[in-house]
Amino acid sequence: MQFVVRDVARLFQVSEKMIHRWIDPRLVPAYRIITTYDTEQA
């Protein structure tokens, strides 16, 4: 399943900047596809 940062921010009701903060130190399992991130399903 693929989400863009905007979708994840809406889902968690936080800013897009906060999602980037979670992704940068690998707090959220994600990988970059061109200019978007793809999350891994648990």
N, C-alpha and C. Protein backbone atom coordinates (compact mmCIF):
# COMPACT_ATOMS: atom_id res chain seq x y z
N MET A 1 0.84 -1.17 0.00
CA MET A 1 0.00 0.00 0.00
C MET A 1 0.89 1.24 0.00
N GLN A 2 0.56 2.19 -0.82
CA GLN A 2 1.38 3.39 -0.92
C GLN A 2 0.62 4.61 -0.40
N PHE A 3 1.34 5.44 0.33
CA PHE A 3 0.80 6.69 0.84
C PHE A 3 1.79 7.79 0.54
N VAL A 4 1.30 8.97 0.32
CA VAL A 4 2.19 10.13 0.25
C VAL A 4 2.18 10.76 1.63
N VAL A 5 3.16 11.59 1.89
CA VAL A 5 3.31 12.21 3.21
C VAL A 5 2.02 12.92 3.62
N ARG A 6 1.36 13.58 2.70
CA ARG A 6 0.13 14.31 3.00
C ARG A 6 -0.94 13.35 3.55
N ASP A 7 -1.07 12.17 2.93
CA ASP A 7 -2.06 11.19 3.39
C ASP A 7 -1.78 10.72 4.82
N VAL A 8 -0.52 10.43 5.09
CA VAL A 8 -0.14 9.95 6.42
C VAL A 8 -0.35 11.05 7.46
N ALA A 9 -0.03 12.28 7.10
CA ALA A 9 -0.24 13.41 8.03
C ALA A 9 -1.71 13.56 8.38
N ARG A 10 -2.57 13.43 7.39
CA ARG A 10 -4.02 13.52 7.66
C ARG A 10 -4.47 12.35 8.54
N LEU A 11 -3.99 11.17 8.24
CA LEU A 11 -4.37 9.98 9.00
C LEU A 11 -4.02 10.12 10.48
N PHE A 12 -2.81 10.64 10.77
CA PHE A 12 -2.36 10.80 12.15
C PHE A 12 -2.69 12.18 12.73
N GLN A 13 -3.29 13.04 11.93
CA GLN A 13 -3.66 14.39 12.34
C GLN A 13 -2.46 15.17 12.88
N VAL A 14 -1.39 15.12 12.11
CA VAL A 14 -0.18 15.89 12.41
C VAL A 14 0.25 16.60 11.13
N SER A 15 1.24 17.46 11.24
CA SER A 15 1.72 18.18 10.07
C SER A 15 2.60 17.28 9.19
N GLU A 16 2.73 17.67 7.93
CA GLU A 16 3.62 16.94 7.02
C GLU A 16 5.06 17.01 7.53
N LYS A 17 5.41 18.13 8.14
CA LYS A 17 6.76 18.28 8.69
C LYS A 17 7.02 17.23 9.77
N MET A 18 6.01 16.95 10.60
CA MET A 18 6.16 15.96 11.65
C MET A 18 6.39 14.57 11.04
N ILE A 19 5.70 14.25 9.97
CA ILE A 19 5.89 12.96 9.31
C ILE A 19 7.33 12.83 8.81
N HIS A 20 7.85 13.91 8.23
CA HIS A 20 9.25 13.89 7.78
C HIS A 20 10.20 13.69 8.96
N ARG A 21 9.88 14.26 10.10
CA ARG A 21 10.71 14.08 11.30
C ARG A 21 10.71 12.61 11.73
N TRP A 22 9.57 11.95 11.59
CA TRP A 22 9.47 10.54 11.96
C TRP A 22 10.22 9.67 10.96
N ILE A 23 10.17 10.02 9.69
CA ILE A 23 10.81 9.22 8.65
C ILE A 23 12.33 9.38 8.70
N ASP A 24 12.82 10.59 8.87
CA ASP A 24 14.27 10.85 8.82
C ASP A 24 15.07 9.97 9.77
N PRO A 25 14.71 9.85 11.05
CA PRO A 25 15.49 8.97 11.94
C PRO A 25 14.99 7.52 11.91
N ARG A 26 14.18 7.19 10.93
CA ARG A 26 13.67 5.82 10.74
C ARG A 26 12.70 5.38 11.84
N LEU A 27 11.94 6.32 12.39
CA LEU A 27 10.93 5.97 13.39
C LEU A 27 9.72 5.32 12.71
N VAL A 28 9.55 5.60 11.44
CA VAL A 28 8.47 5.01 10.64
C VAL A 28 9.14 4.22 9.52
N PRO A 29 8.82 2.92 9.37
CA PRO A 29 9.42 2.15 8.28
C PRO A 29 8.89 2.64 6.93
N ALA A 30 9.77 3.24 6.14
CA ALA A 30 9.37 3.80 4.85
C ALA A 30 10.57 3.84 3.93
N TYR A 31 10.30 3.87 2.66
CA TYR A 31 11.36 4.08 1.69
C TYR A 31 10.88 5.01 0.61
N ARG A 32 11.83 5.69 -0.01
CA ARG A 32 11.52 6.74 -0.96
C ARG A 32 11.38 6.18 -2.36
N ILE A 33 10.31 6.59 -3.02
CA ILE A 33 10.10 6.24 -4.42
C ILE A 33 10.02 7.57 -5.17
N ILE A 34 11.05 7.90 -5.88
CA ILE A 34 11.19 9.17 -6.59
C ILE A 34 11.01 10.32 -5.59
N THR A 35 9.81 10.88 -5.45
CA THR A 35 9.61 11.99 -4.50
C THR A 35 8.57 11.64 -3.45
N THR A 36 8.20 10.38 -3.35
CA THR A 36 7.22 9.98 -2.33
C THR A 36 7.82 8.88 -1.47
N TYR A 37 7.17 8.60 -0.37
CA TYR A 37 7.59 7.52 0.50
C TYR A 37 6.55 6.42 0.44
N ASP A 38 7.00 5.19 0.56
CA ASP A 38 6.10 4.04 0.58
C ASP A 38 6.28 3.36 1.93
N THR A 39 5.18 3.11 2.62
CA THR A 39 5.27 2.47 3.92
C THR A 39 5.20 0.96 3.78
N GLU A 40 5.78 0.26 4.74
CA GLU A 40 5.72 -1.19 4.76
C GLU A 40 4.57 -1.62 5.65
N GLN A 41 3.81 -2.60 5.18
CA GLN A 41 2.71 -3.10 6.00
C GLN A 41 3.25 -4.04 7.07
N ALA A 42 2.69 -3.95 8.25
CA ALA A 42 3.13 -4.80 9.36
C ALA A 42 2.41 -6.13 9.33
